[in-house]
N, C-alpha and C. Protein backbone atom coordinates (compact mmCIF):
# COMPACT_ATOMS: atom_id res chain seq x y z
N UNK A 1 17.20 -26.18 2.91
CA UNK A 1 17.92 -27.17 3.87
C UNK A 1 17.72 -26.37 5.23
N UNK A 2 17.10 -27.08 6.23
CA UNK A 2 16.82 -26.82 7.64
C UNK A 2 18.35 -26.87 8.55
N UNK A 3 19.14 -25.85 8.18
CA UNK A 3 20.61 -26.06 8.69
C UNK A 3 20.84 -24.86 9.62
N UNK A 4 22.00 -24.84 10.16
CA UNK A 4 22.53 -23.92 11.07
C UNK A 4 22.60 -22.47 10.31
N UNK A 5 22.93 -22.47 8.95
CA UNK A 5 23.04 -21.33 8.09
C UNK A 5 21.86 -20.43 8.14
N UNK A 6 20.74 -21.08 8.41
CA UNK A 6 19.37 -20.28 8.23
C UNK A 6 19.03 -19.57 9.53
N UNK A 7 19.76 -18.50 9.76
CA UNK A 7 19.52 -17.83 11.09
C UNK A 7 18.62 -16.52 11.02
N UNK A 8 18.16 -16.34 9.61
CA UNK A 8 17.17 -15.14 9.55
C UNK A 8 16.14 -15.11 10.52
N UNK A 9 15.60 -14.16 11.39
CA UNK A 9 14.61 -14.12 12.13
C UNK A 9 14.84 -14.66 13.50
N UNK A 10 15.97 -15.50 13.73
CA UNK A 10 16.13 -16.19 14.98
C UNK A 10 16.55 -15.43 16.11
N UNK A 11 16.19 -15.44 17.34
CA UNK A 11 16.61 -14.62 18.50
C UNK A 11 17.64 -15.41 19.11
N UNK A 12 18.27 -14.67 20.09
CA UNK A 12 19.28 -15.15 20.88
C UNK A 12 20.73 -14.87 20.70
N UNK A 13 20.80 -14.40 19.31
CA UNK A 13 22.14 -14.45 18.90
C UNK A 13 22.82 -12.79 19.05
N UNK A 14 21.94 -12.06 19.65
CA UNK A 14 22.42 -10.68 19.79
C UNK A 14 22.28 -9.78 18.69
N UNK A 15 22.58 -8.24 18.77
CA UNK A 15 22.78 -7.51 17.75
C UNK A 15 23.87 -7.66 16.66
N UNK A 16 23.56 -7.06 15.38
CA UNK A 16 24.61 -7.35 14.39
C UNK A 16 25.53 -6.21 14.79
N UNK A 17 26.82 -6.74 14.89
CA UNK A 17 27.90 -5.73 15.23
C UNK A 17 28.36 -5.36 14.00
N UNK A 18 28.38 -3.78 13.75
CA UNK A 18 28.90 -3.18 12.45
C UNK A 18 30.44 -2.48 12.82
N UNK A 19 31.41 -3.22 12.20
CA UNK A 19 32.74 -2.69 12.46
C UNK A 19 32.82 -1.38 11.64
N UNK A 20 33.30 -0.34 12.21
CA UNK A 20 33.61 0.95 11.59
C UNK A 20 34.99 0.57 10.72
N UNK A 21 34.80 1.22 9.60
CA UNK A 21 35.93 1.17 8.56
C UNK A 21 36.55 -0.18 8.47
N UNK A 22 35.55 -1.16 8.28
CA UNK A 22 36.08 -2.62 8.21
C UNK A 22 36.76 -2.95 7.08
N UNK A 23 37.94 -3.40 7.08
CA UNK A 23 38.89 -3.68 5.89
C UNK A 23 38.21 -4.88 5.07
N UNK A 24 38.40 -5.06 3.90
CA UNK A 24 37.81 -5.95 3.02
C UNK A 24 38.33 -7.59 3.38
N UNK A 25 39.60 -7.46 3.93
CA UNK A 25 40.06 -8.77 4.45
C UNK A 25 40.74 -8.46 5.74
N UNK A 26 40.47 -9.45 6.88
CA UNK A 26 41.24 -9.17 8.19
C UNK A 26 42.51 -9.93 7.99
N UNK A 27 42.57 -10.90 7.21
CA UNK A 27 43.96 -11.60 7.34
C UNK A 27 44.15 -12.09 5.86
N UNK A 28 45.65 -12.15 5.56
CA UNK A 28 45.93 -12.53 4.26
C UNK A 28 45.41 -13.62 3.78
N UNK A 29 45.12 -14.70 4.49
CA UNK A 29 44.68 -15.92 4.10
C UNK A 29 43.14 -15.87 3.43
N UNK A 30 42.21 -14.76 4.02
CA UNK A 30 41.12 -14.42 3.67
C UNK A 30 41.08 -13.98 2.15
N UNK A 31 41.90 -13.36 1.80
CA UNK A 31 42.13 -12.71 0.24
C UNK A 31 42.65 -13.91 -0.50
N UNK A 32 43.36 -14.95 -0.08
CA UNK A 32 43.95 -15.79 -0.87
C UNK A 32 42.63 -16.85 -1.06
N UNK A 33 42.02 -17.06 -0.26
CA UNK A 33 40.87 -17.95 -0.20
C UNK A 33 39.78 -17.29 -1.24
N UNK A 34 39.42 -16.08 -1.30
CA UNK A 34 38.62 -15.36 -1.99
C UNK A 34 39.13 -15.57 -3.63
N UNK A 35 40.45 -15.42 -3.79
CA UNK A 35 41.10 -15.59 -5.01
C UNK A 35 41.05 -16.94 -5.60
N UNK A 36 41.09 -17.78 -4.90
CA UNK A 36 41.14 -19.17 -5.31
C UNK A 36 39.78 -19.97 -5.30
N UNK A 37 38.90 -19.46 -4.90
CA UNK A 37 37.71 -20.42 -4.81
C UNK A 37 37.18 -20.62 -6.11
N UNK A 38 36.98 -19.56 -7.27
CA UNK A 38 36.51 -19.88 -8.40
C UNK A 38 37.37 -20.96 -9.23
N UNK A 39 38.61 -20.96 -9.05
CA UNK A 39 39.37 -22.10 -9.49
C UNK A 39 39.26 -23.37 -8.93
N UNK A 40 38.89 -23.35 -7.61
CA UNK A 40 38.61 -24.49 -6.93
C UNK A 40 37.37 -25.09 -7.65
N UNK A 41 36.30 -24.36 -7.56
CA UNK A 41 34.81 -24.74 -8.05
C UNK A 41 34.94 -25.22 -9.37
N UNK A 42 35.99 -24.57 -10.29
CA UNK A 42 36.06 -25.40 -11.67
C UNK A 42 36.97 -26.67 -11.61
N UNK A 43 37.79 -26.84 -10.65
CA UNK A 43 38.51 -28.01 -10.48
C UNK A 43 37.54 -29.19 -10.06
N UNK A 44 36.88 -28.78 -9.27
CA UNK A 44 35.44 -29.72 -8.57
C UNK A 44 34.36 -29.93 -9.58
N UNK A 45 34.34 -29.20 -10.56
CA UNK A 45 33.11 -29.12 -11.47
C UNK A 45 32.00 -28.83 -10.75
N UNK A 46 32.10 -27.89 -10.13
CA UNK A 46 30.93 -27.43 -9.18
C UNK A 46 30.34 -26.20 -9.38
N UNK A 47 29.16 -25.97 -9.40
CA UNK A 47 28.53 -24.57 -9.46
C UNK A 47 28.34 -23.89 -8.24
N UNK A 48 27.69 -22.73 -8.41
CA UNK A 48 27.65 -21.78 -7.13
C UNK A 48 26.58 -22.44 -6.01
N UNK A 49 25.63 -22.90 -6.58
CA UNK A 49 24.61 -23.58 -5.50
C UNK A 49 25.05 -24.70 -4.82
N UNK A 50 25.99 -25.49 -5.41
CA UNK A 50 26.72 -26.58 -4.78
C UNK A 50 27.62 -26.12 -3.82
N UNK A 51 28.33 -24.89 -4.13
CA UNK A 51 29.22 -24.35 -3.18
C UNK A 51 28.41 -23.97 -1.98
N UNK A 52 27.23 -23.24 -2.03
CA UNK A 52 26.43 -22.83 -1.07
C UNK A 52 25.98 -23.92 -0.18
N UNK A 53 25.76 -24.96 -0.87
CA UNK A 53 25.31 -26.30 -0.12
C UNK A 53 26.48 -26.72 0.75
N UNK A 54 27.52 -26.77 0.15
CA UNK A 54 28.80 -27.30 0.90
C UNK A 54 28.80 -26.49 2.20
N UNK A 55 28.66 -25.11 2.33
CA UNK A 55 28.87 -24.39 3.39
C UNK A 55 27.66 -24.54 4.20
N UNK A 56 26.47 -24.79 3.85
CA UNK A 56 25.30 -25.30 4.57
C UNK A 56 25.48 -26.46 5.31
N UNK A 57 26.21 -27.57 4.75
CA UNK A 57 26.47 -28.63 5.39
C UNK A 57 27.34 -28.73 6.42
N UNK A 58 27.90 -27.60 6.76
CA UNK A 58 29.09 -27.56 7.87
C UNK A 58 28.43 -27.87 9.19
N UNK A 59 29.34 -28.66 9.96
CA UNK A 59 28.85 -29.00 11.36
C UNK A 59 28.51 -27.61 11.94
N UNK A 60 27.24 -27.69 12.85
CA UNK A 60 26.81 -26.49 13.31
C UNK A 60 27.86 -25.82 14.20
N UNK A 61 28.54 -26.61 15.18
CA UNK A 61 29.58 -25.75 15.94
C UNK A 61 30.64 -25.25 15.32
N UNK A 62 31.06 -25.83 14.15
CA UNK A 62 32.01 -25.23 13.20
C UNK A 62 31.55 -24.26 12.70
N UNK A 63 30.41 -24.05 12.24
CA UNK A 63 29.80 -22.97 11.29
C UNK A 63 29.64 -21.62 12.21
N UNK A 64 29.35 -21.88 13.42
CA UNK A 64 28.97 -20.90 14.36
C UNK A 64 30.27 -20.14 15.14
N UNK A 65 31.36 -20.98 15.00
CA UNK A 65 32.57 -20.58 15.57
C UNK A 65 33.58 -20.21 14.53
N UNK A 66 33.26 -20.07 13.27
CA UNK A 66 34.33 -19.83 12.26
C UNK A 66 33.54 -18.62 11.61
N UNK A 67 34.57 -17.89 10.72
CA UNK A 67 34.20 -16.58 10.12
C UNK A 67 33.68 -16.78 8.72
N UNK A 68 33.37 -15.78 7.97
CA UNK A 68 32.89 -15.89 6.65
C UNK A 68 33.89 -16.49 5.66
N UNK A 69 35.17 -16.27 5.57
CA UNK A 69 36.09 -16.85 4.78
C UNK A 69 36.42 -18.26 4.99
N UNK A 70 36.37 -18.56 6.41
CA UNK A 70 36.45 -20.15 6.80
C UNK A 70 35.40 -20.78 6.09
N UNK A 71 34.05 -20.24 6.28
CA UNK A 71 33.07 -20.95 5.50
C UNK A 71 33.18 -21.21 4.08
N UNK A 72 33.96 -20.24 3.56
CA UNK A 72 34.20 -20.49 1.99
C UNK A 72 35.50 -21.54 1.82
N UNK A 73 36.52 -21.38 2.79
CA UNK A 73 37.41 -22.31 2.59
C UNK A 73 36.95 -23.96 2.91
N UNK A 74 35.96 -23.96 3.65
CA UNK A 74 35.58 -25.35 4.06
C UNK A 74 34.67 -25.76 3.00
N UNK A 75 33.81 -24.84 2.36
CA UNK A 75 32.93 -25.49 1.55
C UNK A 75 33.60 -25.77 0.10
N UNK A 76 34.69 -25.10 -0.28
CA UNK A 76 35.42 -25.32 -1.44
C UNK A 76 36.28 -26.49 -1.36
N UNK A 77 36.85 -26.59 -0.16
CA UNK A 77 37.70 -27.90 0.08
C UNK A 77 36.91 -29.20 0.24
N UNK A 78 35.70 -28.94 0.68
CA UNK A 78 34.85 -30.02 0.84
C UNK A 78 34.46 -30.59 -0.45
N UNK A 79 34.19 -29.70 -1.60
CA UNK A 79 33.89 -29.84 -2.85
C UNK A 79 35.08 -30.76 -3.62
N UNK A 80 36.23 -30.11 -3.34
CA UNK A 80 37.53 -30.81 -3.83
C UNK A 80 37.61 -31.96 -3.36
N UNK A 81 37.42 -32.42 -2.35
CA UNK A 81 37.68 -33.88 -1.55
C UNK A 81 36.63 -34.73 -2.20
N UNK A 82 35.41 -34.26 -2.25
CA UNK A 82 34.23 -35.01 -2.86
C UNK A 82 34.35 -35.39 -4.22
N UNK A 83 35.12 -34.59 -5.04
CA UNK A 83 35.32 -34.72 -6.38
C UNK A 83 36.61 -35.50 -6.63
N UNK A 84 37.36 -35.83 -5.46
CA UNK A 84 38.64 -36.64 -5.70
C UNK A 84 39.80 -35.93 -6.08
N UNK A 85 39.80 -34.32 -6.13
CA UNK A 85 40.81 -33.73 -6.60
C UNK A 85 41.92 -33.55 -5.34
N UNK A 86 41.38 -33.39 -4.17
CA UNK A 86 42.24 -33.59 -2.89
C UNK A 86 41.88 -34.59 -2.04
N UNK A 87 42.83 -35.29 -1.25
CA UNK A 87 42.53 -36.21 -0.18
C UNK A 87 42.67 -35.60 1.28
N UNK A 88 41.52 -35.97 1.89
CA UNK A 88 41.40 -35.37 3.24
C UNK A 88 42.64 -35.55 4.13
N UNK A 89 43.07 -36.90 4.26
CA UNK A 89 44.23 -37.23 5.00
C UNK A 89 45.51 -36.17 4.78
N UNK A 90 45.76 -36.07 3.31
CA UNK A 90 46.84 -35.25 2.80
C UNK A 90 46.72 -33.72 3.44
N UNK A 91 45.45 -33.22 3.42
CA UNK A 91 45.34 -31.88 3.95
C UNK A 91 45.48 -32.00 5.49
N UNK A 92 45.16 -32.85 6.29
CA UNK A 92 45.41 -32.90 7.70
C UNK A 92 46.79 -33.24 7.97
N UNK A 93 47.54 -33.89 7.04
CA UNK A 93 49.12 -34.17 7.16
C UNK A 93 49.83 -33.04 7.01
N UNK A 94 49.24 -31.84 6.23
CA UNK A 94 49.90 -30.70 6.03
C UNK A 94 49.43 -29.56 7.03
N UNK A 95 48.28 -29.56 7.26
CA UNK A 95 47.53 -28.41 8.01
C UNK A 95 47.16 -28.70 9.44
N UNK A 96 47.21 -29.91 9.78
CA UNK A 96 46.59 -30.35 11.14
C UNK A 96 45.17 -30.64 10.79
N UNK A 97 44.23 -30.53 12.02
CA UNK A 97 42.86 -30.72 11.99
C UNK A 97 42.21 -29.90 10.78
N UNK A 98 41.61 -30.45 10.04
CA UNK A 98 41.01 -29.67 8.94
C UNK A 98 39.57 -30.19 8.69
N UNK A 99 38.59 -29.71 9.50
CA UNK A 99 37.12 -30.04 9.18
C UNK A 99 36.44 -29.99 7.81
N UNK A 100 35.82 -30.86 7.51
CA UNK A 100 35.07 -30.79 6.33
C UNK A 100 33.30 -30.83 6.54
N UNK A 101 32.61 -30.52 5.52
CA UNK A 101 31.35 -30.53 5.53
C UNK A 101 30.90 -31.96 5.57
N UNK A 102 29.45 -32.02 6.22
CA UNK A 102 28.82 -33.33 6.36
C UNK A 102 28.32 -33.84 4.75
N UNK A 103 28.05 -35.04 4.72
CA UNK A 103 27.65 -35.46 3.34
C UNK A 103 26.51 -35.06 3.10
N UNK A 104 26.01 -35.01 1.58
CA UNK A 104 24.85 -34.54 0.93
C UNK A 104 23.79 -35.59 1.43
N UNK A 105 22.86 -35.31 1.73
CA UNK A 105 21.55 -36.14 2.04
C UNK A 105 20.53 -36.29 1.29
N UNK A 106 20.51 -35.57 0.07
CA UNK A 106 19.44 -35.57 -0.77
C UNK A 106 19.32 -36.88 -1.45
N UNK A 107 18.29 -37.61 -1.68
CA UNK A 107 18.02 -38.71 -2.66
C UNK A 107 17.18 -38.49 -3.72
N UNK A 108 17.35 -39.35 -4.80
CA UNK A 108 16.62 -38.90 -5.99
C UNK A 108 15.21 -38.45 -6.07
N UNK A 109 14.26 -39.22 -5.07
CA UNK A 109 12.99 -38.99 -4.82
C UNK A 109 12.77 -37.64 -4.19
N UNK A 110 13.81 -37.16 -3.31
CA UNK A 110 13.34 -35.85 -2.79
C UNK A 110 13.31 -34.70 -3.66
N UNK A 111 13.62 -34.85 -5.00
CA UNK A 111 13.41 -33.55 -6.09
C UNK A 111 12.22 -33.81 -6.75
N UNK A 112 11.35 -34.83 -6.40
CA UNK A 112 10.18 -35.13 -7.27
C UNK A 112 9.22 -33.87 -6.91
N UNK A 113 9.16 -33.28 -5.72
CA UNK A 113 8.18 -32.29 -5.29
C UNK A 113 8.57 -30.87 -6.08
N UNK A 114 9.68 -30.94 -6.78
CA UNK A 114 10.12 -29.64 -7.41
C UNK A 114 9.42 -29.48 -8.88
N UNK A 115 8.52 -28.73 -9.18
CA UNK A 115 7.84 -28.63 -10.39
C UNK A 115 7.95 -26.95 -10.76
N UNK A 116 8.91 -26.79 -11.57
CA UNK A 116 9.49 -25.22 -12.05
C UNK A 116 8.17 -24.75 -12.76
N UNK A 117 8.12 -23.44 -12.48
CA UNK A 117 7.08 -22.59 -13.14
C UNK A 117 7.81 -21.46 -13.81
N UNK A 118 8.25 -21.74 -15.12
CA UNK A 118 8.76 -20.67 -15.94
C UNK A 118 7.94 -19.41 -16.13
N UNK A 119 6.77 -19.51 -16.26
CA UNK A 119 5.78 -18.46 -16.49
C UNK A 119 5.30 -18.13 -15.00
N UNK A 120 5.16 -16.79 -14.88
CA UNK A 120 4.73 -16.41 -13.64
C UNK A 120 3.07 -16.70 -13.28
N UNK A 121 2.85 -17.32 -12.27
CA UNK A 121 1.52 -17.80 -11.59
C UNK A 121 0.94 -16.43 -10.84
N UNK A 122 1.84 -15.59 -10.54
CA UNK A 122 1.06 -14.50 -9.63
C UNK A 122 1.29 -12.95 -10.17
N UNK A 123 0.49 -12.13 -9.84
CA UNK A 123 0.76 -10.75 -10.29
C UNK A 123 0.94 -9.76 -9.11
N UNK A 124 1.39 -8.70 -9.39
CA UNK A 124 1.67 -7.56 -8.38
C UNK A 124 0.30 -7.20 -7.47
N UNK A 125 0.17 -7.38 -6.31
CA UNK A 125 -0.90 -7.35 -5.42
C UNK A 125 -1.53 -8.58 -5.03
N UNK A 126 -1.31 -9.71 -5.49
CA UNK A 126 -1.72 -11.10 -5.28
C UNK A 126 -1.03 -11.45 -3.69
N UNK A 127 -2.01 -11.78 -2.79
CA UNK A 127 -1.70 -12.42 -1.49
C UNK A 127 -1.17 -13.78 -1.62
N UNK A 128 -0.13 -14.33 -1.15
CA UNK A 128 0.30 -15.58 -1.28
C UNK A 128 0.85 -16.20 0.07
N UNK A 129 0.72 -17.42 0.23
CA UNK A 129 1.29 -18.04 1.42
C UNK A 129 2.55 -18.86 1.09
N UNK A 130 3.55 -18.71 1.89
CA UNK A 130 4.76 -19.70 1.68
C UNK A 130 4.45 -20.89 1.96
N UNK A 131 4.77 -21.90 1.51
CA UNK A 131 4.64 -23.24 1.66
C UNK A 131 5.66 -23.51 2.69
N UNK A 132 5.13 -24.42 3.67
CA UNK A 132 5.75 -24.78 4.73
C UNK A 132 6.29 -26.14 4.51
N UNK A 133 7.29 -26.11 3.64
CA UNK A 133 7.97 -27.58 3.17
C UNK A 133 9.26 -27.49 3.60
N UNK A 134 9.88 -28.70 3.87
CA UNK A 134 11.12 -28.91 4.24
C UNK A 134 11.95 -29.96 3.30
N UNK A 135 13.16 -29.58 3.06
CA UNK A 135 14.05 -30.25 2.13
C UNK A 135 15.41 -30.46 2.62
N UNK A 136 15.95 -31.69 2.48
CA UNK A 136 17.10 -32.01 2.97
C UNK A 136 18.52 -31.40 2.45
N UNK A 137 18.23 -30.64 1.23
CA UNK A 137 19.27 -30.26 0.25
C UNK A 137 19.18 -28.59 0.27
N UNK A 138 20.00 -28.09 -0.90
CA UNK A 138 19.97 -26.72 -0.80
C UNK A 138 18.58 -26.17 -1.38
N UNK A 139 18.12 -25.08 -0.57
CA UNK A 139 16.98 -24.24 -0.92
C UNK A 139 17.19 -22.88 -0.82
N UNK A 140 16.28 -22.10 -1.18
CA UNK A 140 16.45 -20.59 -1.02
C UNK A 140 15.42 -20.02 -0.41
N UNK A 141 14.54 -20.89 0.42
CA UNK A 141 13.46 -20.21 1.15
C UNK A 141 13.51 -20.09 2.47
N UNK A 142 13.92 -18.84 3.12
CA UNK A 142 14.19 -18.64 4.63
C UNK A 142 13.08 -19.47 5.58
N UNK A 143 13.66 -19.92 6.44
CA UNK A 143 12.78 -20.69 7.40
C UNK A 143 11.76 -19.85 8.22
N UNK A 144 12.24 -18.48 8.32
CA UNK A 144 11.20 -17.57 8.98
C UNK A 144 9.98 -17.15 8.34
N UNK A 145 9.88 -17.34 6.98
CA UNK A 145 8.72 -16.91 6.15
C UNK A 145 7.82 -18.05 5.87
N UNK A 146 8.37 -19.36 6.23
CA UNK A 146 7.37 -20.38 5.90
C UNK A 146 6.20 -20.44 6.64
N UNK A 147 5.08 -20.76 5.76
CA UNK A 147 3.60 -20.77 6.41
C UNK A 147 3.14 -19.41 6.94
N UNK A 148 3.84 -18.43 6.32
CA UNK A 148 3.18 -17.07 6.70
C UNK A 148 2.69 -16.30 5.41
N UNK A 149 1.89 -15.43 5.39
CA UNK A 149 1.24 -14.71 4.32
C UNK A 149 1.57 -13.69 3.89
N UNK A 150 2.19 -13.15 2.82
CA UNK A 150 2.64 -11.77 2.08
C UNK A 150 2.16 -11.52 1.03
N UNK A 151 2.26 -10.45 0.37
CA UNK A 151 1.78 -9.79 -0.87
C UNK A 151 2.95 -9.78 -2.08
N UNK A 152 2.75 -10.00 -3.08
CA UNK A 152 3.61 -9.79 -4.14
C UNK A 152 3.55 -8.30 -4.70
N UNK A 153 4.72 -7.88 -4.50
CA UNK A 153 4.94 -6.34 -4.80
C UNK A 153 5.88 -6.08 -6.13
N UNK A 154 6.53 -7.13 -6.59
CA UNK A 154 7.22 -7.15 -7.77
C UNK A 154 7.43 -8.43 -8.58
N UNK A 155 7.47 -8.41 -9.78
CA UNK A 155 7.88 -9.53 -10.56
C UNK A 155 9.42 -9.42 -10.86
N UNK A 156 10.05 -10.62 -10.49
CA UNK A 156 11.57 -10.60 -10.52
C UNK A 156 12.02 -11.53 -11.69
N UNK A 157 13.28 -11.55 -11.98
CA UNK A 157 13.77 -12.27 -13.04
C UNK A 157 13.57 -13.64 -13.05
N UNK A 158 13.43 -14.25 -14.09
CA UNK A 158 13.28 -15.72 -14.38
C UNK A 158 14.70 -16.39 -14.24
N UNK A 159 14.93 -17.26 -13.21
CA UNK A 159 16.37 -17.84 -12.72
C UNK A 159 16.29 -19.18 -12.59
N UNK A 160 17.47 -20.02 -12.58
CA UNK A 160 17.38 -21.42 -12.58
C UNK A 160 16.87 -21.66 -11.19
N UNK A 161 16.32 -22.84 -10.94
CA UNK A 161 15.83 -23.52 -9.66
C UNK A 161 16.97 -24.02 -8.91
N UNK A 162 17.10 -23.60 -7.80
CA UNK A 162 18.33 -23.72 -6.88
C UNK A 162 18.53 -25.11 -6.63
N UNK A 163 17.23 -25.92 -6.25
CA UNK A 163 17.46 -27.56 -5.88
C UNK A 163 18.00 -28.08 -6.83
N UNK A 164 17.39 -27.93 -8.24
CA UNK A 164 17.88 -28.55 -9.22
C UNK A 164 19.27 -28.30 -9.89
N UNK A 165 19.59 -27.07 -9.65
CA UNK A 165 21.02 -26.74 -9.91
C UNK A 165 21.96 -27.38 -9.07
N UNK A 166 21.56 -27.34 -7.69
CA UNK A 166 22.70 -27.90 -6.78
C UNK A 166 22.78 -29.28 -6.79
N UNK A 167 21.64 -30.09 -7.14
CA UNK A 167 21.72 -31.55 -6.92
C UNK A 167 21.67 -32.34 -8.16
N UNK A 168 21.32 -31.66 -9.33
CA UNK A 168 21.35 -32.38 -10.50
C UNK A 168 22.18 -31.60 -11.70
N UNK A 169 22.62 -30.51 -11.16
CA UNK A 169 23.56 -29.61 -11.92
C UNK A 169 22.51 -29.10 -13.25
N UNK A 170 21.54 -28.98 -13.04
CA UNK A 170 20.46 -28.60 -14.17
C UNK A 170 20.10 -27.23 -14.03
N UNK A 171 19.99 -26.56 -15.22
CA UNK A 171 19.43 -25.16 -15.22
C UNK A 171 18.01 -25.21 -15.78
N UNK A 172 17.32 -24.96 -14.90
CA UNK A 172 15.78 -25.13 -15.37
C UNK A 172 15.08 -23.87 -14.80
N UNK A 173 14.63 -22.96 -15.82
CA UNK A 173 14.10 -21.58 -15.40
C UNK A 173 13.00 -21.59 -14.49
N UNK A 174 12.69 -20.54 -13.65
CA UNK A 174 11.68 -20.55 -12.86
C UNK A 174 11.25 -18.87 -12.54
N UNK A 175 10.14 -18.47 -12.35
CA UNK A 175 9.68 -17.25 -12.20
C UNK A 175 9.92 -16.75 -10.66
N UNK A 176 10.31 -15.74 -10.47
CA UNK A 176 10.69 -15.33 -8.84
C UNK A 176 9.98 -13.90 -8.66
N UNK A 177 9.58 -13.63 -7.43
CA UNK A 177 8.84 -12.50 -6.97
C UNK A 177 9.64 -11.68 -5.54
N UNK A 178 9.21 -10.54 -5.59
CA UNK A 178 9.62 -9.89 -4.34
C UNK A 178 8.31 -9.84 -3.56
N UNK A 179 8.25 -10.37 -2.57
CA UNK A 179 6.96 -10.74 -1.55
C UNK A 179 7.28 -9.68 -0.35
N UNK A 180 6.14 -8.90 0.08
CA UNK A 180 6.19 -8.15 1.31
C UNK A 180 5.44 -8.77 2.40
N UNK A 181 6.24 -8.90 3.65
CA UNK A 181 5.31 -9.51 4.88
C UNK A 181 5.38 -8.22 5.85
N UNK A 182 4.25 -8.25 6.55
CA UNK A 182 4.27 -7.61 7.73
C UNK A 182 5.15 -8.06 8.93
N UNK A 183 5.91 -7.17 9.59
CA UNK A 183 6.50 -7.97 10.54
C UNK A 183 5.79 -8.61 11.72
N UNK A 184 4.67 -8.04 12.06
CA UNK A 184 3.70 -8.89 12.95
C UNK A 184 3.29 -10.15 12.32
N UNK A 185 3.01 -10.26 11.31
CA UNK A 185 2.57 -11.50 10.49
C UNK A 185 3.95 -12.63 10.91
N UNK A 186 5.04 -12.32 10.69
CA UNK A 186 6.22 -13.07 11.13
C UNK A 186 6.47 -13.27 12.48
N UNK A 187 6.41 -12.24 13.18
CA UNK A 187 6.99 -12.31 14.74
C UNK A 187 5.92 -11.89 15.63
N UNK A 188 4.72 -11.81 15.40
CA UNK A 188 3.69 -11.63 16.34
C UNK A 188 3.63 -10.15 16.91
N UNK A 189 2.77 -9.97 17.88
CA UNK A 189 2.52 -8.57 18.19
C UNK A 189 3.64 -7.59 18.76
N UNK A 190 4.85 -8.51 19.15
CA UNK A 190 6.00 -7.81 19.81
C UNK A 190 6.61 -6.89 18.81
N UNK A 191 6.37 -7.21 17.49
CA UNK A 191 7.22 -6.60 16.40
C UNK A 191 6.51 -5.27 16.03
N UNK A 192 7.06 -4.37 15.29
CA UNK A 192 6.58 -2.98 15.03
C UNK A 192 5.76 -3.09 13.99
N UNK A 193 4.46 -2.52 14.20
CA UNK A 193 3.28 -2.73 13.39
C UNK A 193 3.66 -1.94 12.13
N UNK A 194 4.54 -0.89 12.15
CA UNK A 194 5.03 -0.03 10.86
C UNK A 194 5.93 -0.68 9.96
N UNK A 195 6.42 -1.81 10.38
CA UNK A 195 7.62 -2.56 9.72
C UNK A 195 7.29 -3.56 8.76
N UNK A 196 7.91 -3.83 7.63
CA UNK A 196 7.60 -4.86 6.77
C UNK A 196 8.93 -5.28 6.20
N UNK A 197 8.73 -6.59 5.68
CA UNK A 197 10.13 -7.33 5.11
C UNK A 197 9.77 -7.74 3.93
N UNK A 198 10.80 -7.45 2.94
CA UNK A 198 10.70 -7.92 1.59
C UNK A 198 11.56 -9.16 1.39
N UNK A 199 11.06 -10.12 0.76
CA UNK A 199 11.92 -11.33 0.47
C UNK A 199 11.61 -11.80 -1.04
N UNK A 200 12.77 -12.10 -1.66
CA UNK A 200 12.80 -12.69 -3.15
C UNK A 200 12.51 -14.30 -2.87
N UNK A 201 11.37 -14.66 -3.47
CA UNK A 201 10.92 -15.87 -3.57
C UNK A 201 10.74 -16.53 -4.80
N UNK A 202 11.04 -17.95 -4.88
CA UNK A 202 10.86 -18.64 -6.30
C UNK A 202 9.38 -18.90 -6.23
N UNK A 203 8.67 -19.06 -7.47
CA UNK A 203 7.40 -19.44 -7.57
C UNK A 203 6.95 -21.00 -6.84
N UNK A 204 7.81 -21.75 -6.85
CA UNK A 204 7.78 -23.02 -6.13
C UNK A 204 7.46 -23.01 -4.72
N UNK A 205 7.89 -21.98 -4.04
CA UNK A 205 7.73 -21.71 -2.62
C UNK A 205 6.33 -21.13 -2.24
N UNK A 206 5.61 -20.74 -3.12
CA UNK A 206 4.28 -20.02 -2.92
C UNK A 206 2.97 -20.76 -3.40
N UNK A 207 1.91 -20.58 -2.65
CA UNK A 207 0.61 -20.88 -2.94
C UNK A 207 -0.23 -19.96 -2.85
N UNK A 208 -1.24 -19.81 -3.72
CA UNK A 208 -2.26 -18.77 -3.91
C UNK A 208 -3.25 -18.90 -2.78
N UNK A 209 -3.60 -17.83 -2.34
CA UNK A 209 -4.81 -17.59 -1.29
C UNK A 209 -5.70 -16.56 -1.65
N UNK A 210 -6.90 -16.54 -1.39
CA UNK A 210 -7.86 -15.80 -1.66
C UNK A 210 -7.83 -14.51 -1.24
N UNK A 211 -7.95 -13.37 -1.94
CA UNK A 211 -8.07 -11.85 -1.55
C UNK A 211 -9.05 -11.72 -0.53
N UNK A 212 -8.75 -10.89 0.53
CA UNK A 212 -9.87 -10.71 1.40
C UNK A 212 -11.07 -9.71 0.94
N UNK A 213 -12.10 -9.88 1.01
CA UNK A 213 -13.33 -9.10 0.66
C UNK A 213 -13.13 -7.73 0.93
N UNK A 214 -13.45 -6.73 0.09
CA UNK A 214 -13.47 -5.29 0.35
C UNK A 214 -14.59 -4.92 1.15
N UNK A 215 -14.45 -4.16 2.12
CA UNK A 215 -15.47 -3.58 2.99
C UNK A 215 -16.26 -2.29 2.44
C-alpha cells in the first residue's frame, strides 16, 4: 500500500530522535493497549497482517500526529468496529472524538497478480530488480526500493504471502530473501559510496536481471 506509513528513505522528516533511557511505556494507557490488542484481534477474528493494514489505513494527518501505541489502538479498534464487535457511535459517546482508519480498498481482482513462489527462484549472488508495482492493500515491499537493483545475499525462511493473509486470510508459503542495495543505487550520488542497505523481500517482489559480464 502506498500509504503514509511507508516513510523509509523519505526526506524532510528530520533525524531520528533517540530518547536516552526511554521507558517501555510513556503512559499507563499504552501498556493497557499493548496488553489488550491480542484479545482484540481474537475478538475481531483478525490476523497480524490485517492489523498492520488497519494501521496503514489511518488518515495521514492522524498517523503523523499520533504515537506508536495510538496507531495500535486505532488499528485494533477499527478491526473491532468492522467486525461488528464495537459500535463507533458508542465509542465516541464514551471517549469523545475517536477517529478510525479508512476503509479497505482492495477488490477481488487486485489479488490476481499475486503468484506465490514456494521454492526459491534465486540464489545468493544473483542480481535482481524490485518490481515497481503498486497495490491498494497490505504489502511488505518498501516504496524506496521499488524499481532498484540489488543482490541476493541470503535465502530467508519460507513464510506466508502478506497480501493473501491480509485480504483473504489465507496462509500460502513464499520464499523470501535478504537483498543488498548500494546506497547510491537508492538515493543517487549524494549517498555515501561505502554504505549499503539490506532489505528482506518476498519472491513475488523481485525479477531476474542478467549478471554483468566479467572484465
